[in-house]
Amino acid sequence: HVSSCRRVLVRPVNGVYASDHYGL
């Protein structure tokens, strides 16, 4: 059962994005 699903890494940390796409 999927209780929740969310996008992650959508905001930069110290001005740096983790990737050119967000994760789940």
PDBML (XML) file of the C-alpha atoms, coordinates in Angstrom:
<?xml version="1.0" encoding="UTF-8" ?>
<PDBx:datablock datablockName="MODEL"
   xmlns:PDBx="http://pdbml.pdb.org/schema/pdbx-v50.xsd"
   xmlns:xsi="http://www.w3.org/2001/XMLSchema-instance"
   xsi:schemaLocation="http://pdbml.pdb.org/schema/pdbx-v50.xsd pdbx-v50.xsd">
   <PDBx:atom_siteCategory>
      <PDBx:atom_site id="1">
         <PDBx:B_iso_or_equiv>0.00</PDBx:B_iso_or_equiv>
         <PDBx:Cartn_x>0.000</PDBx:Cartn_x>
         <PDBx:Cartn_y>0.000</PDBx:Cartn_y>
         <PDBx:Cartn_z>0.000</PDBx:Cartn_z>
         <PDBx:auth_asym_id>A</PDBx:auth_asym_id>
         <PDBx:auth_atom_id>CA</PDBx:auth_atom_id>
         <PDBx:auth_comp_id>HIS</PDBx:auth_comp_id>
         <PDBx:auth_seq_id>1</PDBx:auth_seq_id>
         <PDBx:group_PDB>ATOM</PDBx:group_PDB>
         <PDBx:label_alt_id xsi:nil="true" />
         <PDBx:label_asym_id>A</PDBx:label_asym_id>
         <PDBx:label_atom_id>CA</PDBx:label_atom_id>
         <PDBx:label_comp_id>HIS</PDBx:label_comp_id>
         <PDBx:label_entity_id>1</PDBx:label_entity_id>
         <PDBx:label_seq_id>1</PDBx:label_seq_id>
         <PDBx:occupancy>1.00</PDBx:occupancy>
         <PDBx:pdbx_PDB_model_num>1</PDBx:pdbx_PDB_model_num>
         <PDBx:type_symbol>C</PDBx:type_symbol>
      </PDBx:atom_site>
      <PDBx:atom_site id="2">
         <PDBx:B_iso_or_equiv>0.00</PDBx:B_iso_or_equiv>
         <PDBx:Cartn_x>1.341</PDBx:Cartn_x>
         <PDBx:Cartn_y>3.468</PDBx:Cartn_y>
         <PDBx:Cartn_z>-0.878</PDBx:Cartn_z>
         <PDBx:auth_asym_id>A</PDBx:auth_asym_id>
         <PDBx:auth_atom_id>CA</PDBx:auth_atom_id>
         <PDBx:auth_comp_id>VAL</PDBx:auth_comp_id>
         <PDBx:auth_seq_id>2</PDBx:auth_seq_id>
         <PDBx:group_PDB>ATOM</PDBx:group_PDB>
         <PDBx:label_alt_id xsi:nil="true" />
         <PDBx:label_asym_id>A</PDBx:label_asym_id>
         <PDBx:label_atom_id>CA</PDBx:label_atom_id>
         <PDBx:label_comp_id>VAL</PDBx:label_comp_id>
         <PDBx:label_entity_id>1</PDBx:label_entity_id>
         <PDBx:label_seq_id>2</PDBx:label_seq_id>
         <PDBx:occupancy>1.00</PDBx:occupancy>
         <PDBx:pdbx_PDB_model_num>1</PDBx:pdbx_PDB_model_num>
         <PDBx:type_symbol>C</PDBx:type_symbol>
      </PDBx:atom_site>
      <PDBx:atom_site id="3">
         <PDBx:B_iso_or_equiv>0.00</PDBx:B_iso_or_equiv>
         <PDBx:Cartn_x>0.820</PDBx:Cartn_x>
         <PDBx:Cartn_y>5.639</PDBx:Cartn_y>
         <PDBx:Cartn_z>2.224</PDBx:Cartn_z>
         <PDBx:auth_asym_id>A</PDBx:auth_asym_id>
         <PDBx:auth_atom_id>CA</PDBx:auth_atom_id>
         <PDBx:auth_comp_id>SER</PDBx:auth_comp_id>
         <PDBx:auth_seq_id>3</PDBx:auth_seq_id>
         <PDBx:group_PDB>ATOM</PDBx:group_PDB>
         <PDBx:label_alt_id xsi:nil="true" />
         <PDBx:label_asym_id>A</PDBx:label_asym_id>
         <PDBx:label_atom_id>CA</PDBx:label_atom_id>
         <PDBx:label_comp_id>SER</PDBx:label_comp_id>
         <PDBx:label_entity_id>1</PDBx:label_entity_id>
         <PDBx:label_seq_id>3</PDBx:label_seq_id>
         <PDBx:occupancy>1.00</PDBx:occupancy>
         <PDBx:pdbx_PDB_model_num>1</PDBx:pdbx_PDB_model_num>
         <PDBx:type_symbol>C</PDBx:type_symbol>
      </PDBx:atom_site>
      <PDBx:atom_site id="4">
         <PDBx:B_iso_or_equiv>0.00</PDBx:B_iso_or_equiv>
         <PDBx:Cartn_x>2.451</PDBx:Cartn_x>
         <PDBx:Cartn_y>8.709</PDBx:Cartn_y>
         <PDBx:Cartn_z>0.698</PDBx:Cartn_z>
         <PDBx:auth_asym_id>A</PDBx:auth_asym_id>
         <PDBx:auth_atom_id>CA</PDBx:auth_atom_id>
         <PDBx:auth_comp_id>SER</PDBx:auth_comp_id>
         <PDBx:auth_seq_id>4</PDBx:auth_seq_id>
         <PDBx:group_PDB>ATOM</PDBx:group_PDB>
         <PDBx:label_alt_id xsi:nil="true" />
         <PDBx:label_asym_id>A</PDBx:label_asym_id>
         <PDBx:label_atom_id>CA</PDBx:label_atom_id>
         <PDBx:label_comp_id>SER</PDBx:label_comp_id>
         <PDBx:label_entity_id>1</PDBx:label_entity_id>
         <PDBx:label_seq_id>4</PDBx:label_seq_id>
         <PDBx:occupancy>1.00</PDBx:occupancy>
         <PDBx:pdbx_PDB_model_num>1</PDBx:pdbx_PDB_model_num>
         <PDBx:type_symbol>C</PDBx:type_symbol>
      </PDBx:atom_site>
      <PDBx:atom_site id="5">
         <PDBx:B_iso_or_equiv>0.00</PDBx:B_iso_or_equiv>
         <PDBx:Cartn_x>4.568</PDBx:Cartn_x>
         <PDBx:Cartn_y>9.765</PDBx:Cartn_y>
         <PDBx:Cartn_z>-2.244</PDBx:Cartn_z>
         <PDBx:auth_asym_id>A</PDBx:auth_asym_id>
         <PDBx:auth_atom_id>CA</PDBx:auth_atom_id>
         <PDBx:auth_comp_id>CYS</PDBx:auth_comp_id>
         <PDBx:auth_seq_id>5</PDBx:auth_seq_id>
         <PDBx:group_PDB>ATOM</PDBx:group_PDB>
         <PDBx:label_alt_id xsi:nil="true" />
         <PDBx:label_asym_id>A</PDBx:label_asym_id>
         <PDBx:label_atom_id>CA</PDBx:label_atom_id>
         <PDBx:label_comp_id>CYS</PDBx:label_comp_id>
         <PDBx:label_entity_id>1</PDBx:label_entity_id>
         <PDBx:label_seq_id>5</PDBx:label_seq_id>
         <PDBx:occupancy>1.00</PDBx:occupancy>
         <PDBx:pdbx_PDB_model_num>1</PDBx:pdbx_PDB_model_num>
         <PDBx:type_symbol>C</PDBx:type_symbol>
      </PDBx:atom_site>
      <PDBx:atom_site id="6">
         <PDBx:B_iso_or_equiv>0.00</PDBx:B_iso_or_equiv>
         <PDBx:Cartn_x>6.355</PDBx:Cartn_x>
         <PDBx:Cartn_y>13.073</PDBx:Cartn_y>
         <PDBx:Cartn_z>-2.573</PDBx:Cartn_z>
         <PDBx:auth_asym_id>A</PDBx:auth_asym_id>
         <PDBx:auth_atom_id>CA</PDBx:auth_atom_id>
         <PDBx:auth_comp_id>ARG</PDBx:auth_comp_id>
         <PDBx:auth_seq_id>6</PDBx:auth_seq_id>
         <PDBx:group_PDB>ATOM</PDBx:group_PDB>
         <PDBx:label_alt_id xsi:nil="true" />
         <PDBx:label_asym_id>A</PDBx:label_asym_id>
         <PDBx:label_atom_id>CA</PDBx:label_atom_id>
         <PDBx:label_comp_id>ARG</PDBx:label_comp_id>
         <PDBx:label_entity_id>1</PDBx:label_entity_id>
         <PDBx:label_seq_id>6</PDBx:label_seq_id>
         <PDBx:occupancy>1.00</PDBx:occupancy>
         <PDBx:pdbx_PDB_model_num>1</PDBx:pdbx_PDB_model_num>
         <PDBx:type_symbol>C</PDBx:type_symbol>
      </PDBx:atom_site>
      <PDBx:atom_site id="7">
         <PDBx:B_iso_or_equiv>0.00</PDBx:B_iso_or_equiv>
         <PDBx:Cartn_x>8.924</PDBx:Cartn_x>
         <PDBx:Cartn_y>14.867</PDBx:Cartn_y>
         <PDBx:Cartn_z>-4.680</PDBx:Cartn_z>
         <PDBx:auth_asym_id>A</PDBx:auth_asym_id>
         <PDBx:auth_atom_id>CA</PDBx:auth_atom_id>
         <PDBx:auth_comp_id>ARG</PDBx:auth_comp_id>
         <PDBx:auth_seq_id>7</PDBx:auth_seq_id>
         <PDBx:group_PDB>ATOM</PDBx:group_PDB>
         <PDBx:label_alt_id xsi:nil="true" />
         <PDBx:label_asym_id>A</PDBx:label_asym_id>
         <PDBx:label_atom_id>CA</PDBx:label_atom_id>
         <PDBx:label_comp_id>ARG</PDBx:label_comp_id>
         <PDBx:label_entity_id>1</PDBx:label_entity_id>
         <PDBx:label_seq_id>7</PDBx:label_seq_id>
         <PDBx:occupancy>1.00</PDBx:occupancy>
         <PDBx:pdbx_PDB_model_num>1</PDBx:pdbx_PDB_model_num>
         <PDBx:type_symbol>C</PDBx:type_symbol>
      </PDBx:atom_site>
      <PDBx:atom_site id="8">
         <PDBx:B_iso_or_equiv>0.00</PDBx:B_iso_or_equiv>
         <PDBx:Cartn_x>12.293</PDBx:Cartn_x>
         <PDBx:Cartn_y>15.299</PDBx:Cartn_y>
         <PDBx:Cartn_z>-2.964</PDBx:Cartn_z>
         <PDBx:auth_asym_id>A</PDBx:auth_asym_id>
         <PDBx:auth_atom_id>CA</PDBx:auth_atom_id>
         <PDBx:auth_comp_id>VAL</PDBx:auth_comp_id>
         <PDBx:auth_seq_id>8</PDBx:auth_seq_id>
         <PDBx:group_PDB>ATOM</PDBx:group_PDB>
         <PDBx:label_alt_id xsi:nil="true" />
         <PDBx:label_asym_id>A</PDBx:label_asym_id>
         <PDBx:label_atom_id>CA</PDBx:label_atom_id>
         <PDBx:label_comp_id>VAL</PDBx:label_comp_id>
         <PDBx:label_entity_id>1</PDBx:label_entity_id>
         <PDBx:label_seq_id>8</PDBx:label_seq_id>
         <PDBx:occupancy>1.00</PDBx:occupancy>
         <PDBx:pdbx_PDB_model_num>1</PDBx:pdbx_PDB_model_num>
         <PDBx:type_symbol>C</PDBx:type_symbol>
      </PDBx:atom_site>
      <PDBx:atom_site id="9">
         <PDBx:B_iso_or_equiv>0.00</PDBx:B_iso_or_equiv>
         <PDBx:Cartn_x>15.376</PDBx:Cartn_x>
         <PDBx:Cartn_y>17.440</PDBx:Cartn_y>
         <PDBx:Cartn_z>-3.593</PDBx:Cartn_z>
         <PDBx:auth_asym_id>A</PDBx:auth_asym_id>
         <PDBx:auth_atom_id>CA</PDBx:auth_atom_id>
         <PDBx:auth_comp_id>LEU</PDBx:auth_comp_id>
         <PDBx:auth_seq_id>9</PDBx:auth_seq_id>
         <PDBx:group_PDB>ATOM</PDBx:group_PDB>
         <PDBx:label_alt_id xsi:nil="true" />
         <PDBx:label_asym_id>A</PDBx:label_asym_id>
         <PDBx:label_atom_id>CA</PDBx:label_atom_id>
         <PDBx:label_comp_id>LEU</PDBx:label_comp_id>
         <PDBx:label_entity_id>1</PDBx:label_entity_id>
         <PDBx:label_seq_id>9</PDBx:label_seq_id>
         <PDBx:occupancy>1.00</PDBx:occupancy>
         <PDBx:pdbx_PDB_model_num>1</PDBx:pdbx_PDB_model_num>
         <PDBx:type_symbol>C</PDBx:type_symbol>
      </PDBx:atom_site>
      <PDBx:atom_site id="10">
         <PDBx:B_iso_or_equiv>0.00</PDBx:B_iso_or_equiv>
         <PDBx:Cartn_x>13.188</PDBx:Cartn_x>
         <PDBx:Cartn_y>20.235</PDBx:Cartn_y>
         <PDBx:Cartn_z>-5.005</PDBx:Cartn_z>
         <PDBx:auth_asym_id>A</PDBx:auth_asym_id>
         <PDBx:auth_atom_id>CA</PDBx:auth_atom_id>
         <PDBx:auth_comp_id>VAL</PDBx:auth_comp_id>
         <PDBx:auth_seq_id>10</PDBx:auth_seq_id>
         <PDBx:group_PDB>ATOM</PDBx:group_PDB>
         <PDBx:label_alt_id xsi:nil="true" />
         <PDBx:label_asym_id>A</PDBx:label_asym_id>
         <PDBx:label_atom_id>CA</PDBx:label_atom_id>
         <PDBx:label_comp_id>VAL</PDBx:label_comp_id>
         <PDBx:label_entity_id>1</PDBx:label_entity_id>
         <PDBx:label_seq_id>10</PDBx:label_seq_id>
         <PDBx:occupancy>1.00</PDBx:occupancy>
         <PDBx:pdbx_PDB_model_num>1</PDBx:pdbx_PDB_model_num>
         <PDBx:type_symbol>C</PDBx:type_symbol>
      </PDBx:atom_site>
      <PDBx:atom_site id="11">
         <PDBx:B_iso_or_equiv>0.00</PDBx:B_iso_or_equiv>
         <PDBx:Cartn_x>15.010</PDBx:Cartn_x>
         <PDBx:Cartn_y>23.027</PDBx:Cartn_y>
         <PDBx:Cartn_z>-3.180</PDBx:Cartn_z>
         <PDBx:auth_asym_id>A</PDBx:auth_asym_id>
         <PDBx:auth_atom_id>CA</PDBx:auth_atom_id>
         <PDBx:auth_comp_id>ARG</PDBx:auth_comp_id>
         <PDBx:auth_seq_id>11</PDBx:auth_seq_id>
         <PDBx:group_PDB>ATOM</PDBx:group_PDB>
         <PDBx:label_alt_id xsi:nil="true" />
         <PDBx:label_asym_id>A</PDBx:label_asym_id>
         <PDBx:label_atom_id>CA</PDBx:label_atom_id>
         <PDBx:label_comp_id>ARG</PDBx:label_comp_id>
         <PDBx:label_entity_id>1</PDBx:label_entity_id>
         <PDBx:label_seq_id>11</PDBx:label_seq_id>
         <PDBx:occupancy>1.00</PDBx:occupancy>
         <PDBx:pdbx_PDB_model_num>1</PDBx:pdbx_PDB_model_num>
         <PDBx:type_symbol>C</PDBx:type_symbol>
      </PDBx:atom_site>
      <PDBx:atom_site id="12">
         <PDBx:B_iso_or_equiv>0.00</PDBx:B_iso_or_equiv>
         <PDBx:Cartn_x>18.689</PDBx:Cartn_x>
         <PDBx:Cartn_y>23.914</PDBx:Cartn_y>
         <PDBx:Cartn_z>-3.212</PDBx:Cartn_z>
         <PDBx:auth_asym_id>A</PDBx:auth_asym_id>
         <PDBx:auth_atom_id>CA</PDBx:auth_atom_id>
         <PDBx:auth_comp_id>PRO</PDBx:auth_comp_id>
         <PDBx:auth_seq_id>12</PDBx:auth_seq_id>
         <PDBx:group_PDB>ATOM</PDBx:group_PDB>
         <PDBx:label_alt_id xsi:nil="true" />
         <PDBx:label_asym_id>A</PDBx:label_asym_id>
         <PDBx:label_atom_id>CA</PDBx:label_atom_id>
         <PDBx:label_comp_id>PRO</PDBx:label_comp_id>
         <PDBx:label_entity_id>1</PDBx:label_entity_id>
         <PDBx:label_seq_id>12</PDBx:label_seq_id>
         <PDBx:occupancy>1.00</PDBx:occupancy>
         <PDBx:pdbx_PDB_model_num>1</PDBx:pdbx_PDB_model_num>
         <PDBx:type_symbol>C</PDBx:type_symbol>
      </PDBx:atom_site>
      <PDBx:atom_site id="13">
         <PDBx:B_iso_or_equiv>0.00</PDBx:B_iso_or_equiv>
         <PDBx:Cartn_x>20.930</PDBx:Cartn_x>
         <PDBx:Cartn_y>23.403</PDBx:Cartn_y>
         <PDBx:Cartn_z>-0.202</PDBx:Cartn_z>
         <PDBx:auth_asym_id>A</PDBx:auth_asym_id>
         <PDBx:auth_atom_id>CA</PDBx:auth_atom_id>
         <PDBx:auth_comp_id>VAL</PDBx:auth_comp_id>
         <PDBx:auth_seq_id>13</PDBx:auth_seq_id>
         <PDBx:group_PDB>ATOM</PDBx:group_PDB>
         <PDBx:label_alt_id xsi:nil="true" />
         <PDBx:label_asym_id>A</PDBx:label_asym_id>
         <PDBx:label_atom_id>CA</PDBx:label_atom_id>
         <PDBx:label_comp_id>VAL</PDBx:label_comp_id>
         <PDBx:label_entity_id>1</PDBx:label_entity_id>
         <PDBx:label_seq_id>13</PDBx:label_seq_id>
         <PDBx:occupancy>1.00</PDBx:occupancy>
         <PDBx:pdbx_PDB_model_num>1</PDBx:pdbx_PDB_model_num>
         <PDBx:type_symbol>C</PDBx:type_symbol>
      </PDBx:atom_site>
      <PDBx:atom_site id="14">
         <PDBx:B_iso_or_equiv>0.00</PDBx:B_iso_or_equiv>
         <PDBx:Cartn_x>23.341</PDBx:Cartn_x>
         <PDBx:Cartn_y>26.304</PDBx:Cartn_y>
         <PDBx:Cartn_z>0.220</PDBx:Cartn_z>
         <PDBx:auth_asym_id>A</PDBx:auth_asym_id>
         <PDBx:auth_atom_id>CA</PDBx:auth_atom_id>
         <PDBx:auth_comp_id>ASN</PDBx:auth_comp_id>
         <PDBx:auth_seq_id>14</PDBx:auth_seq_id>
         <PDBx:group_PDB>ATOM</PDBx:group_PDB>
         <PDBx:label_alt_id xsi:nil="true" />
         <PDBx:label_asym_id>A</PDBx:label_asym_id>
         <PDBx:label_atom_id>CA</PDBx:label_atom_id>
         <PDBx:label_comp_id>ASN</PDBx:label_comp_id>
         <PDBx:label_entity_id>1</PDBx:label_entity_id>
         <PDBx:label_seq_id>14</PDBx:label_seq_id>
         <PDBx:occupancy>1.00</PDBx:occupancy>
         <PDBx:pdbx_PDB_model_num>1</PDBx:pdbx_PDB_model_num>
         <PDBx:type_symbol>C</PDBx:type_symbol>
      </PDBx:atom_site>
      <PDBx:atom_site id="15">
         <PDBx:B_iso_or_equiv>0.00</PDBx:B_iso_or_equiv>
         <PDBx:Cartn_x>22.386</PDBx:Cartn_x>
         <PDBx:Cartn_y>27.424</PDBx:Cartn_y>
         <PDBx:Cartn_z>-3.297</PDBx:Cartn_z>
         <PDBx:auth_asym_id>A</PDBx:auth_asym_id>
         <PDBx:auth_atom_id>CA</PDBx:auth_atom_id>
         <PDBx:auth_comp_id>GLY</PDBx:auth_comp_id>
         <PDBx:auth_seq_id>15</PDBx:auth_seq_id>
         <PDBx:group_PDB>ATOM</PDBx:group_PDB>
         <PDBx:label_alt_id xsi:nil="true" />
         <PDBx:label_asym_id>A</PDBx:label_asym_id>
         <PDBx:label_atom_id>CA</PDBx:label_atom_id>
         <PDBx:label_comp_id>GLY</PDBx:label_comp_id>
         <PDBx:label_entity_id>1</PDBx:label_entity_id>
         <PDBx:label_seq_id>15</PDBx:label_seq_id>
         <PDBx:occupancy>1.00</PDBx:occupancy>
         <PDBx:pdbx_PDB_model_num>1</PDBx:pdbx_PDB_model_num>
         <PDBx:type_symbol>C</PDBx:type_symbol>
      </PDBx:atom_site>
      <PDBx:atom_site id="16">
         <PDBx:B_iso_or_equiv>0.00</PDBx:B_iso_or_equiv>
         <PDBx:Cartn_x>23.172</PDBx:Cartn_x>
         <PDBx:Cartn_y>24.048</PDBx:Cartn_y>
         <PDBx:Cartn_z>-4.900</PDBx:Cartn_z>
         <PDBx:auth_asym_id>A</PDBx:auth_asym_id>
         <PDBx:auth_atom_id>CA</PDBx:auth_atom_id>
         <PDBx:auth_comp_id>VAL</PDBx:auth_comp_id>
         <PDBx:auth_seq_id>16</PDBx:auth_seq_id>
         <PDBx:group_PDB>ATOM</PDBx:group_PDB>
         <PDBx:label_alt_id xsi:nil="true" />
         <PDBx:label_asym_id>A</PDBx:label_asym_id>
         <PDBx:label_atom_id>CA</PDBx:label_atom_id>
         <PDBx:label_comp_id>VAL</PDBx:label_comp_id>
         <PDBx:label_entity_id>1</PDBx:label_entity_id>
         <PDBx:label_seq_id>16</PDBx:label_seq_id>
         <PDBx:occupancy>1.00</PDBx:occupancy>
         <PDBx:pdbx_PDB_model_num>1</PDBx:pdbx_PDB_model_num>
         <PDBx:type_symbol>C</PDBx:type_symbol>
      </PDBx:atom_site>
      <PDBx:atom_site id="17">
         <PDBx:B_iso_or_equiv>0.00</PDBx:B_iso_or_equiv>
         <PDBx:Cartn_x>20.579</PDBx:Cartn_x>
         <PDBx:Cartn_y>21.756</PDBx:Cartn_y>
         <PDBx:Cartn_z>-6.516</PDBx:Cartn_z>
         <PDBx:auth_asym_id>A</PDBx:auth_asym_id>
         <PDBx:auth_atom_id>CA</PDBx:auth_atom_id>
         <PDBx:auth_comp_id>TYR</PDBx:auth_comp_id>
         <PDBx:auth_seq_id>17</PDBx:auth_seq_id>
         <PDBx:group_PDB>ATOM</PDBx:group_PDB>
         <PDBx:label_alt_id xsi:nil="true" />
         <PDBx:label_asym_id>A</PDBx:label_asym_id>
         <PDBx:label_atom_id>CA</PDBx:label_atom_id>
         <PDBx:label_comp_id>TYR</PDBx:label_comp_id>
         <PDBx:label_entity_id>1</PDBx:label_entity_id>
         <PDBx:label_seq_id>17</PDBx:label_seq_id>
         <PDBx:occupancy>1.00</PDBx:occupancy>
         <PDBx:pdbx_PDB_model_num>1</PDBx:pdbx_PDB_model_num>
         <PDBx:type_symbol>C</PDBx:type_symbol>
      </PDBx:atom_site>
      <PDBx:atom_site id="18">
         <PDBx:B_iso_or_equiv>0.00</PDBx:B_iso_or_equiv>
         <PDBx:Cartn_x>21.227</PDBx:Cartn_x>
         <PDBx:Cartn_y>18.022</PDBx:Cartn_y>
         <PDBx:Cartn_z>-6.188</PDBx:Cartn_z>
         <PDBx:auth_asym_id>A</PDBx:auth_asym_id>
         <PDBx:auth_atom_id>CA</PDBx:auth_atom_id>
         <PDBx:auth_comp_id>ALA</PDBx:auth_comp_id>
         <PDBx:auth_seq_id>18</PDBx:auth_seq_id>
         <PDBx:group_PDB>ATOM</PDBx:group_PDB>
         <PDBx:label_alt_id xsi:nil="true" />
         <PDBx:label_asym_id>A</PDBx:label_asym_id>
         <PDBx:label_atom_id>CA</PDBx:label_atom_id>
         <PDBx:label_comp_id>ALA</PDBx:label_comp_id>
         <PDBx:label_entity_id>1</PDBx:label_entity_id>
         <PDBx:label_seq_id>18</PDBx:label_seq_id>
         <PDBx:occupancy>1.00</PDBx:occupancy>
         <PDBx:pdbx_PDB_model_num>1</PDBx:pdbx_PDB_model_num>
         <PDBx:type_symbol>C</PDBx:type_symbol>
      </PDBx:atom_site>
      <PDBx:atom_site id="19">
         <PDBx:B_iso_or_equiv>0.00</PDBx:B_iso_or_equiv>
         <PDBx:Cartn_x>20.366</PDBx:Cartn_x>
         <PDBx:Cartn_y>17.250</PDBx:Cartn_y>
         <PDBx:Cartn_z>-9.812</PDBx:Cartn_z>
         <PDBx:auth_asym_id>A</PDBx:auth_asym_id>
         <PDBx:auth_atom_id>CA</PDBx:auth_atom_id>
         <PDBx:auth_comp_id>SER</PDBx:auth_comp_id>
         <PDBx:auth_seq_id>19</PDBx:auth_seq_id>
         <PDBx:group_PDB>ATOM</PDBx:group_PDB>
         <PDBx:label_alt_id xsi:nil="true" />
         <PDBx:label_asym_id>A</PDBx:label_asym_id>
         <PDBx:label_atom_id>CA</PDBx:label_atom_id>
         <PDBx:label_comp_id>SER</PDBx:label_comp_id>
         <PDBx:label_entity_id>1</PDBx:label_entity_id>
         <PDBx:label_seq_id>19</PDBx:label_seq_id>
         <PDBx:occupancy>1.00</PDBx:occupancy>
         <PDBx:pdbx_PDB_model_num>1</PDBx:pdbx_PDB_model_num>
         <PDBx:type_symbol>C</PDBx:type_symbol>
      </PDBx:atom_site>
      <PDBx:atom_site id="20">
         <PDBx:B_iso_or_equiv>0.00</PDBx:B_iso_or_equiv>
         <PDBx:Cartn_x>18.674</PDBx:Cartn_x>
         <PDBx:Cartn_y>18.581</PDBx:Cartn_y>
         <PDBx:Cartn_z>-12.916</PDBx:Cartn_z>
         <PDBx:auth_asym_id>A</PDBx:auth_asym_id>
         <PDBx:auth_atom_id>CA</PDBx:auth_atom_id>
         <PDBx:auth_comp_id>ASP</PDBx:auth_comp_id>
         <PDBx:auth_seq_id>20</PDBx:auth_seq_id>
         <PDBx:group_PDB>ATOM</PDBx:group_PDB>
         <PDBx:label_alt_id xsi:nil="true" />
         <PDBx:label_asym_id>A</PDBx:label_asym_id>
         <PDBx:label_atom_id>CA</PDBx:label_atom_id>
         <PDBx:label_comp_id>ASP</PDBx:label_comp_id>
         <PDBx:label_entity_id>1</PDBx:label_entity_id>
         <PDBx:label_seq_id>20</PDBx:label_seq_id>
         <PDBx:occupancy>1.00</PDBx:occupancy>
         <PDBx:pdbx_PDB_model_num>1</PDBx:pdbx_PDB_model_num>
         <PDBx:type_symbol>C</PDBx:type_symbol>
      </PDBx:atom_site>
      <PDBx:atom_site id="21">
         <PDBx:B_iso_or_equiv>0.00</PDBx:B_iso_or_equiv>
         <PDBx:Cartn_x>15.620</PDBx:Cartn_x>
         <PDBx:Cartn_y>16.576</PDBx:Cartn_y>
         <PDBx:Cartn_z>-11.906</PDBx:Cartn_z>
         <PDBx:auth_asym_id>A</PDBx:auth_asym_id>
         <PDBx:auth_atom_id>CA</PDBx:auth_atom_id>
         <PDBx:auth_comp_id>HIS</PDBx:auth_comp_id>
         <PDBx:auth_seq_id>21</PDBx:auth_seq_id>
         <PDBx:group_PDB>ATOM</PDBx:group_PDB>
         <PDBx:label_alt_id xsi:nil="true" />
         <PDBx:label_asym_id>A</PDBx:label_asym_id>
         <PDBx:label_atom_id>CA</PDBx:label_atom_id>
         <PDBx:label_comp_id>HIS</PDBx:label_comp_id>
         <PDBx:label_entity_id>1</PDBx:label_entity_id>
         <PDBx:label_seq_id>21</PDBx:label_seq_id>
         <PDBx:occupancy>1.00</PDBx:occupancy>
         <PDBx:pdbx_PDB_model_num>1</PDBx:pdbx_PDB_model_num>
         <PDBx:type_symbol>C</PDBx:type_symbol>
      </PDBx:atom_site>
      <PDBx:atom_site id="22">
         <PDBx:B_iso_or_equiv>0.00</PDBx:B_iso_or_equiv>
         <PDBx:Cartn_x>13.816</PDBx:Cartn_x>
         <PDBx:Cartn_y>15.973</PDBx:Cartn_y>
         <PDBx:Cartn_z>-8.645</PDBx:Cartn_z>
         <PDBx:auth_asym_id>A</PDBx:auth_asym_id>
         <PDBx:auth_atom_id>CA</PDBx:auth_atom_id>
         <PDBx:auth_comp_id>TYR</PDBx:auth_comp_id>
         <PDBx:auth_seq_id>22</PDBx:auth_seq_id>
         <PDBx:group_PDB>ATOM</PDBx:group_PDB>
         <PDBx:label_alt_id xsi:nil="true" />
         <PDBx:label_asym_id>A</PDBx:label_asym_id>
         <PDBx:label_atom_id>CA</PDBx:label_atom_id>
         <PDBx:label_comp_id>TYR</PDBx:label_comp_id>
         <PDBx:label_entity_id>1</PDBx:label_entity_id>
         <PDBx:label_seq_id>22</PDBx:label_seq_id>
         <PDBx:occupancy>1.00</PDBx:occupancy>
         <PDBx:pdbx_PDB_model_num>1</PDBx:pdbx_PDB_model_num>
         <PDBx:type_symbol>C</PDBx:type_symbol>
      </PDBx:atom_site>
      <PDBx:atom_site id="23">
         <PDBx:B_iso_or_equiv>0.00</PDBx:B_iso_or_equiv>
         <PDBx:Cartn_x>13.503</PDBx:Cartn_x>
         <PDBx:Cartn_y>12.606</PDBx:Cartn_y>
         <PDBx:Cartn_z>-6.990</PDBx:Cartn_z>
         <PDBx:auth_asym_id>A</PDBx:auth_asym_id>
         <PDBx:auth_atom_id>CA</PDBx:auth_atom_id>
         <PDBx:auth_comp_id>GLY</PDBx:auth_comp_id>
         <PDBx:auth_seq_id>23</PDBx:auth_seq_id>
         <PDBx:group_PDB>ATOM</PDBx:group_PDB>
         <PDBx:label_alt_id xsi:nil="true" />
         <PDBx:label_asym_id>A</PDBx:label_asym_id>
         <PDBx:label_atom_id>CA</PDBx:label_atom_id>
         <PDBx:label_comp_id>GLY</PDBx:label_comp_id>
         <PDBx:label_entity_id>1</PDBx:label_entity_id>
         <PDBx:label_seq_id>23</PDBx:label_seq_id>
         <PDBx:occupancy>1.00</PDBx:occupancy>
         <PDBx:pdbx_PDB_model_num>1</PDBx:pdbx_PDB_model_num>
         <PDBx:type_symbol>C</PDBx:type_symbol>
      </PDBx:atom_site>
      <PDBx:atom_site id="24">
         <PDBx:B_iso_or_equiv>0.00</PDBx:B_iso_or_equiv>
         <PDBx:Cartn_x>10.576</PDBx:Cartn_x>
         <PDBx:Cartn_y>10.732</PDBx:Cartn_y>
         <PDBx:Cartn_z>-5.498</PDBx:Cartn_z>
         <PDBx:auth_asym_id>A</PDBx:auth_asym_id>
         <PDBx:auth_atom_id>CA</PDBx:auth_atom_id>
         <PDBx:auth_comp_id>LEU</PDBx:auth_comp_id>
         <PDBx:auth_seq_id>24</PDBx:auth_seq_id>
         <PDBx:group_PDB>ATOM</PDBx:group_PDB>
         <PDBx:label_alt_id xsi:nil="true" />
         <PDBx:label_asym_id>A</PDBx:label_asym_id>
         <PDBx:label_atom_id>CA</PDBx:label_atom_id>
         <PDBx:label_comp_id>LEU</PDBx:label_comp_id>
         <PDBx:label_entity_id>1</PDBx:label_entity_id>
         <PDBx:label_seq_id>24</PDBx:label_seq_id>
         <PDBx:occupancy>1.00</PDBx:occupancy>
         <PDBx:pdbx_PDB_model_num>1</PDBx:pdbx_PDB_model_num>
         <PDBx:type_symbol>C</PDBx:type_symbol>
      </PDBx:atom_site>
   </PDBx:atom_siteCategory>
</PDBx:datablock>
